[in-house]
């Protein structure tokens, strides 16, 4: 798995056409200002998976995206 696969999965949902940065919440007790970790390189996936395994195989993934204008 790499960051491109994560973005491709989100784009396959057809809800957002332009996907930007990928983040995951490292601790559910933290808010977005303090608990988001950037997933920018493939090495970050190792920490991403480690955090998921420590949280009963669940993780909150967030993507920066642009809102498409209404035609």
PDB file of N, CA and C in Angstrom:
ATOM      1  N   UNK A   1       0.847  -1.170   0.000  1.00  0.00           N
ATOM      2  CA  UNK A   1       0.000   0.000   0.000  1.00  0.00           C
ATOM      3  C   UNK A   1       0.889   1.228   0.000  1.00  0.00           C
ATOM      4  N   UNK A   2       0.415   2.258  -0.673  1.00  0.00           N
ATOM      5  CA  UNK A   2       1.115   3.535  -0.647  1.00  0.00           C
ATOM      6  C   UNK A   2       0.082   4.664  -0.681  1.00  0.00           C
ATOM      7  N   UNK A   3       0.555   5.882  -0.628  1.00  0.00           N
ATOM      8  CA  UNK A   3      -0.353   7.018  -0.549  1.00  0.00           C
ATOM      9  C   UNK A   3      -1.172   7.181  -1.825  1.00  0.00           C
ATOM     10  N   UNK A   4      -0.634   6.754  -2.970  1.00  0.00           N
ATOM     11  CA  UNK A   4      -1.387   6.845  -4.220  1.00  0.00           C
ATOM     12  C   UNK A   4      -2.599   5.928  -4.184  1.00  0.00           C
ATOM     13  N   UNK A   5      -2.459   4.753  -3.596  1.00  0.00           N
ATOM     14  CA  UNK A   5      -3.576   3.816  -3.495  1.00  0.00           C
ATOM     15  C   UNK A   5      -4.674   4.397  -2.614  1.00  0.00           C
ATOM     16  N   UNK A   6      -4.287   5.023  -1.510  1.00  0.00           N
ATOM     17  CA  UNK A   6      -5.290   5.645  -0.634  1.00  0.00           C
ATOM     18  C   UNK A   6      -6.077   6.720  -1.378  1.00  0.00           C
ATOM     19  N   UNK A   7      -5.390   7.558  -2.121  1.00  0.00           N
ATOM     20  CA  UNK A   7      -6.079   8.612  -2.883  1.00  0.00           C
ATOM     21  C   UNK A   7      -6.955   8.007  -3.973  1.00  0.00           C
ATOM     22  N   UNK A   8      -6.485   6.957  -4.629  1.00  0.00           N
ATOM     23  CA  UNK A   8      -7.282   6.300  -5.669  1.00  0.00           C
ATOM     24  C   UNK A   8      -8.564   5.711  -5.092  1.00  0.00           C
ATOM     25  N   UNK A   9      -8.485   5.158  -3.879  1.00  0.00           N
ATOM     26  CA  UNK A   9      -9.673   4.602  -3.247  1.00  0.00           C
ATOM     27  C   UNK A   9     -10.722   5.677  -2.984  1.00  0.00           C
ATOM     28  N   UNK A  10     -10.282   6.845  -2.557  1.00  0.00           N
ATOM     29  CA  UNK A  10     -11.209   7.941  -2.291  1.00  0.00           C
ATOM     30  C   UNK A  10     -11.811   8.448  -3.601  1.00  0.00           C
ATOM     31  N   UNK A  11     -10.995   8.574  -4.627  1.00  0.00           N
ATOM     32  CA  UNK A  11     -11.511   9.040  -5.911  1.00  0.00           C
ATOM     33  C   UNK A  11     -12.487   8.036  -6.523  1.00  0.00           C
ATOM     34  N   UNK A  12     -12.328   6.758  -6.235  1.00  0.00           N
ATOM     35  CA  UNK A  12     -13.232   5.734  -6.759  1.00  0.00           C
ATOM     36  C   UNK A  12     -14.638   5.896  -6.193  1.00  0.00           C
ATOM     37  N   UNK A  13     -14.769   6.564  -5.066  1.00  0.00           N
ATOM     38  CA  UNK A  13     -16.098   6.816  -4.485  1.00  0.00           C
ATOM     39  C   UNK A  13     -16.888   7.832  -5.296  1.00  0.00           C
ATOM     40  N   UNK A  14     -16.224   8.563  -6.171  1.00  0.00           N
ATOM     41  CA  UNK A  14     -16.849   9.547  -7.073  1.00  0.00           C
ATOM     42  C   UNK A  14     -17.449  10.754  -6.357  1.00  0.00           C
ATOM     43  N   UNK A  15     -17.139  10.930  -5.084  1.00  0.00           N
ATOM     44  CA  UNK A  15     -17.687  12.080  -4.373  1.00  0.00           C
ATOM     45  C   UNK A  15     -16.802  13.309  -4.543  1.00  0.00           C
ATOM     46  N   UNK A  16     -15.491  13.103  -4.609  1.00  0.00           N
ATOM     47  CA  UNK A  16     -14.552  14.207  -4.744  1.00  0.00           C
ATOM     48  C   UNK A  16     -13.677  13.961  -5.963  1.00  0.00           C
ATOM     49  N   UNK A  17     -13.528  14.969  -6.790  1.00  0.00           N
ATOM     50  CA  UNK A  17     -12.728  14.799  -8.001  1.00  0.00           C
ATOM     51  C   UNK A  17     -11.269  15.203  -7.807  1.00  0.00           C
ATOM     52  N   UNK A  18     -11.017  16.080  -6.862  1.00  0.00           N
ATOM     53  CA  UNK A  18      -9.640  16.538  -6.626  1.00  0.00           C
ATOM     54  C   UNK A  18      -9.251  16.251  -5.180  1.00  0.00           C
ATOM     55  N   UNK A  19      -8.389  15.283  -5.016  1.00  0.00           N
ATOM     56  CA  UNK A  19      -7.941  14.871  -3.689  1.00  0.00           C
ATOM     57  C   UNK A  19      -6.544  15.430  -3.454  1.00  0.00           C
ATOM     58  N   UNK A  20      -6.336  15.997  -2.287  1.00  0.00           N
ATOM     59  CA  UNK A  20      -5.034  16.557  -1.938  1.00  0.00           C
ATOM     60  C   UNK A  20      -4.318  15.691  -0.924  1.00  0.00           C
ATOM     61  N   UNK A  21      -3.881  16.310   0.139  1.00  0.00           N
ATOM     62  CA  UNK A  21      -3.082  15.616   1.151  1.00  0.00           C
ATOM     63  C   UNK A  21      -3.906  14.604   1.934  1.00  0.00           C
ATOM     64  N   UNK A  22      -3.216  13.589   2.421  1.00  0.00           N
ATOM     65  CA  UNK A  22      -3.823  12.529   3.215  1.00  0.00           C
ATOM     66  C   UNK A  22      -3.306  12.636   4.648  1.00  0.00           C
ATOM     67  N   UNK A  23      -4.199  12.471   5.621  1.00  0.00           N
ATOM     68  CA  UNK A  23      -3.853  12.523   7.036  1.00  0.00           C
ATOM     69  C   UNK A  23      -4.564  11.387   7.759  1.00  0.00           C
ATOM     70  N   UNK A  24      -4.046  11.014   8.927  1.00  0.00           N
ATOM     71  CA  UNK A  24      -4.796  10.116   9.787  1.00  0.00           C
ATOM     72  C   UNK A  24      -4.735  10.627  11.205  1.00  0.00           C
ATOM     73  N   UNK A  25      -5.795  10.329  11.943  1.00  0.00           N
ATOM     74  CA  UNK A  25      -5.909  10.774  13.325  1.00  0.00           C
ATOM     75  C   UNK A  25      -5.168   9.779  14.204  1.00  0.00           C
ATOM     76  N   UNK A  26      -4.108  10.243  14.873  1.00  0.00           N
ATOM     77  CA  UNK A  26      -3.254   9.326  15.631  1.00  0.00           C
ATOM     78  C   UNK A  26      -3.853   8.910  16.962  1.00  0.00           C
ATOM     79  N   UNK A  27      -4.808   9.687  17.453  1.00  0.00           N
ATOM     80  CA  UNK A  27      -5.434   9.364  18.732  1.00  0.00           C
ATOM     81  C   UNK A  27      -6.845   9.939  18.732  1.00  0.00           C
ATOM     82  N   UNK A  28      -7.827   9.102  18.976  1.00  0.00           N
ATOM     83  CA  UNK A  28      -9.220   9.571  18.948  1.00  0.00           C
ATOM     84  C   UNK A  28      -9.531  10.593  20.031  1.00  0.00           C
ATOM     85  N   UNK A  29      -8.691  10.698  21.045  1.00  0.00           N
ATOM     86  CA  UNK A  29      -8.910  11.674  22.108  1.00  0.00           C
ATOM     87  C   UNK A  29      -8.401  13.064  21.735  1.00  0.00           C
ATOM     88  N   UNK A  30      -7.684  13.168  20.634  1.00  0.00           N
ATOM     89  CA  UNK A  30      -7.152  14.453  20.191  1.00  0.00           C
ATOM     90  C   UNK A  30      -8.045  15.041  19.106  1.00  0.00           C
ATOM     91  N   UNK A  31      -8.025  16.370  18.990  1.00  0.00           N
ATOM     92  CA  UNK A  31      -8.792  17.000  17.926  1.00  0.00           C
ATOM     93  C   UNK A  31      -7.941  17.094  16.656  1.00  0.00           C
ATOM     94  N   UNK A  32      -8.543  17.622  15.597  1.00  0.00           N
ATOM     95  CA  UNK A  32      -7.830  17.706  14.324  1.00  0.00           C
ATOM     96  C   UNK A  32      -6.613  18.622  14.380  1.00  0.00           C
ATOM     97  N   UNK A  33      -6.637  19.618  15.242  1.00  0.00           N
ATOM     98  CA  UNK A  33      -5.500  20.534  15.336  1.00  0.00           C
ATOM     99  C   UNK A  33      -4.271  19.889  15.967  1.00  0.00           C
ATOM    100  N   UNK A  34      -4.476  18.864  16.775  1.00  0.00           N
ATOM    101  CA  UNK A  34      -3.351  18.269  17.494  1.00  0.00           C
ATOM    102  C   UNK A  34      -3.108  16.800  17.170  1.00  0.00           C
ATOM    103  N   UNK A  35      -4.091  16.135  16.550  1.00  0.00           N
ATOM    104  CA  UNK A  35      -3.967  14.695  16.380  1.00  0.00           C
ATOM    105  C   UNK A  35      -3.775  14.190  14.969  1.00  0.00           C
ATOM    106  N   UNK A  36      -3.713  15.094  13.991  1.00  0.00           N
ATOM    107  CA  UNK A  36      -3.538  14.628  12.622  1.00  0.00           C
ATOM    108  C   UNK A  36      -2.069  14.452  12.278  1.00  0.00           C
ATOM    109  N   UNK A  37      -1.772  13.348  11.625  1.00  0.00           N
ATOM    110  CA  UNK A  37      -0.417  13.095  11.141  1.00  0.00           C
ATOM    111  C   UNK A  37      -0.487  13.012   9.618  1.00  0.00           C
ATOM    112  N   UNK A  38       0.417  13.694   8.958  1.00  0.00           N
ATOM    113  CA  UNK A  38       0.437  13.718   7.506  1.00  0.00           C
ATOM    114  C   UNK A  38       0.967  12.401   6.945  1.00  0.00           C
ATOM    115  N   UNK A  39       0.334  11.943   5.900  1.00  0.00           N
ATOM    116  CA  UNK A  39       0.759  10.721   5.221  1.00  0.00           C
ATOM    117  C   UNK A  39       1.239  11.137   3.832  1.00  0.00           C
ATOM    118  N   UNK A  40       2.505  11.539   3.750  1.00  0.00           N
ATOM    119  CA  UNK A  40       3.019  12.096   2.499  1.00  0.00           C
ATOM    120  C   UNK A  40       3.984  11.175   1.772  1.00  0.00           C
ATOM    121  N   UNK A  41       4.647  10.298   2.505  1.00  0.00           N
ATOM    122  CA  UNK A  41       5.583   9.373   1.859  1.00  0.00           C
ATOM    123  C   UNK A  41       5.206   7.941   2.235  1.00  0.00           C
ATOM    124  N   UNK A  42       5.694   7.020   1.457  1.00  0.00           N
ATOM    125  CA  UNK A  42       5.333   5.622   1.682  1.00  0.00           C
ATOM    126  C   UNK A  42       5.769   5.125   3.061  1.00  0.00           C
ATOM    127  N   UNK A  43       6.825   5.688   3.615  1.00  0.00           N
ATOM    128  CA  UNK A  43       7.266   5.303   4.952  1.00  0.00           C
ATOM    129  C   UNK A  43       6.241   5.636   6.022  1.00  0.00           C
ATOM    130  N   UNK A  44       5.421   6.659   5.758  1.00  0.00           N
ATOM    131  CA  UNK A  44       4.361   7.021   6.705  1.00  0.00           C
ATOM    132  C   UNK A  44       3.320   5.913   6.819  1.00  0.00           C
ATOM    133  N   UNK A  45       3.177   5.115   5.769  1.00  0.00           N
ATOM    134  CA  UNK A  45       2.208   4.018   5.788  1.00  0.00           C
ATOM    135  C   UNK A  45       2.530   3.038   6.911  1.00  0.00           C
ATOM    136  N   UNK A  46       3.805   2.837   7.207  1.00  0.00           N
ATOM    137  CA  UNK A  46       4.185   1.935   8.304  1.00  0.00           C
ATOM    138  C   UNK A  46       3.611   2.414   9.630  1.00  0.00           C
ATOM    139  N   UNK A  47       3.724   3.711   9.896  1.00  0.00           N
ATOM    140  CA  UNK A  47       3.166   4.269  11.125  1.00  0.00           C
ATOM    141  C   UNK A  47       1.640   4.242  11.087  1.00  0.00           C
ATOM    142  N   UNK A  48       1.085   4.482   9.914  1.00  0.00           N
ATOM    143  CA  UNK A  48      -0.354   4.432   9.699  1.00  0.00           C
ATOM    144  C   UNK A  48      -0.894   3.052  10.087  1.00  0.00           C
ATOM    145  N   UNK A  49      -0.263   2.005   9.579  1.00  0.00           N
ATOM    146  CA  UNK A  49      -0.694   0.634   9.870  1.00  0.00           C
ATOM    147  C   UNK A  49      -0.471   0.302  11.342  1.00  0.00           C
ATOM    148  N   UNK A  50       0.656   0.741  11.899  1.00  0.00           N
ATOM    149  CA  UNK A  50       0.949   0.485  13.316  1.00  0.00           C
ATOM    150  C   UNK A  50      -0.132   1.099  14.203  1.00  0.00           C
ATOM    151  N   UNK A  51      -0.509   2.337  13.903  1.00  0.00           N
ATOM    152  CA  UNK A  51      -1.562   2.987  14.684  1.00  0.00           C
ATOM    153  C   UNK A  51      -2.895   2.268  14.528  1.00  0.00           C
ATOM    154  N   UNK A  52      -3.178   1.783  13.328  1.00  0.00           N
ATOM    155  CA  UNK A  52      -4.422   1.042  13.110  1.00  0.00           C
ATOM    156  C   UNK A  52      -4.424  -0.258  13.910  1.00  0.00           C
ATOM    157  N   UNK A  53      -3.319  -0.979  13.909  1.00  0.00           N
ATOM    158  CA  UNK A  53      -3.239  -2.235  14.653  1.00  0.00           C
ATOM    159  C   UNK A  53      -3.406  -2.018  16.152  1.00  0.00           C
ATOM    160  N   UNK A  54      -2.887  -0.913  16.648  1.00  0.00           N
ATOM    161  CA  UNK A  54      -3.013  -0.606  18.077  1.00  0.00           C
ATOM    162  C   UNK A  54      -4.423  -0.134  18.439  1.00  0.00           C
ATOM    163  N   UNK A  55      -5.239   0.160  17.424  1.00  0.00           N
ATOM    164  CA  UNK A  55      -6.595   0.648  17.654  1.00  0.00           C
ATOM    165  C   UNK A  55      -7.628  -0.356  17.118  1.00  0.00           C
ATOM    166  N   UNK A  56      -7.394  -1.631  17.357  1.00  0.00           N
ATOM    167  CA  UNK A  56      -8.303  -2.703  16.939  1.00  0.00           C
ATOM    168  C   UNK A  56      -8.585  -2.674  15.440  1.00  0.00           C
ATOM    169  N   UNK A  57      -7.538  -2.423  14.653  1.00  0.00           N
ATOM    170  CA  UNK A  57      -7.601  -2.418  13.179  1.00  0.00           C
ATOM    171  C   UNK A  57      -8.517  -1.338  12.612  1.00  0.00           C
ATOM    172  N   UNK A  58      -8.682  -0.261  13.341  1.00  0.00           N
ATOM    173  CA  UNK A  58      -9.469   0.869  12.847  1.00  0.00           C
ATOM    174  C   UNK A  58      -8.629   2.133  12.895  1.00  0.00           C
ATOM    175  N   UNK A  59      -8.894   3.000  11.917  1.00  0.00           N
ATOM    176  CA  UNK A  59      -8.168   4.265  11.873  1.00  0.00           C
ATOM    177  C   UNK A  59      -9.034   5.296  11.153  1.00  0.00           C
ATOM    178  N   UNK A  60      -8.940   6.533  11.565  1.00  0.00           N
ATOM    179  CA  UNK A  60      -9.664   7.629  10.920  1.00  0.00           C
ATOM    180  C   UNK A  60      -8.743   8.283   9.901  1.00  0.00           C
ATOM    181  N   UNK A  61      -9.136   8.211   8.644  1.00  0.00           N
ATOM    182  CA  UNK A  61      -8.344   8.781   7.554  1.00  0.00           C
ATOM    183  C   UNK A  61      -9.066  10.017   7.038  1.00  0.00           C
ATOM    184  N   UNK A  62      -8.302  11.085   6.829  1.00  0.00           N
ATOM    185  CA  UNK A  62      -8.859  12.347   6.343  1.00  0.00           C
ATOM    186  C   UNK A  62      -8.085  12.771   5.098  1.00  0.00           C
ATOM    187  N   UNK A  63      -8.795  13.397   4.179  1.00  0.00           N
ATOM    188  CA  UNK A  63      -8.178  13.903   2.960  1.00  0.00           C
ATOM    189  C   UNK A  63      -8.526  15.367   2.795  1.00  0.00           C
ATOM    190  N   UNK A  64      -7.540  16.129   2.377  1.00  0.00           N
ATOM    191  CA  UNK A  64      -7.808  17.506   1.999  1.00  0.00           C
ATOM    192  C   UNK A  64      -8.377  17.441   0.587  1.00  0.00           C
ATOM    193  N   UNK A  65      -9.481  18.105   0.370  1.00  0.00           N
ATOM    194  CA  UNK A  65     -10.083  18.104  -0.963  1.00  0.00           C
ATOM    195  C   UNK A  65     -10.707  19.456  -1.247  1.00  0.00           C
ATOM    196  N   UNK A  66     -10.819  19.740  -2.519  1.00  0.00           N
ATOM    197  CA  UNK A  66     -11.479  20.965  -2.938  1.00  0.00           C
ATOM    198  C   UNK A  66     -12.948  20.663  -3.166  1.00  0.00           C
ATOM    199  N   UNK A  67     -13.775  21.635  -2.886  1.00  0.00           N
ATOM    200  CA  UNK A  67     -15.198  21.495  -3.144  1.00  0.00           C
ATOM    201  C   UNK A  67     -15.441  21.896  -4.591  1.00  0.00           C
ATOM    202  N   UNK A  68     -16.092  21.008  -5.338  1.00  0.00           N
ATOM    203  CA  UNK A  68     -16.396  21.309  -6.734  1.00  0.00           C
ATOM    204  C   UNK A  68     -17.474  22.378  -6.804  1.00  0.00           C
ATOM    205  N   UNK A  69     -17.276  23.365  -7.662  1.00  0.00           N
ATOM    206  CA  UNK A  69     -18.297  24.407  -7.792  1.00  0.00           C
ATOM    207  C   UNK A  69     -19.575  23.832  -8.389  1.00  0.00           C
ATOM    208  N   UNK A  70     -20.690  24.406  -7.992  1.00  0.00           N
ATOM    209  CA  UNK A  70     -21.973  23.974  -8.537  1.00  0.00           C
ATOM    210  C   UNK A  70     -22.120  24.574  -9.924  1.00  0.00           C
ATOM    211  N   UNK A  71     -22.386  23.746 -10.930  1.00  0.00           N
ATOM    212  CA  UNK A  71     -22.483  24.284 -12.306  1.00  0.00           C
ATOM    213  C   UNK A  71     -23.718  25.137 -12.507  1.00  0.00           C
TER     214      UNK A  71
END
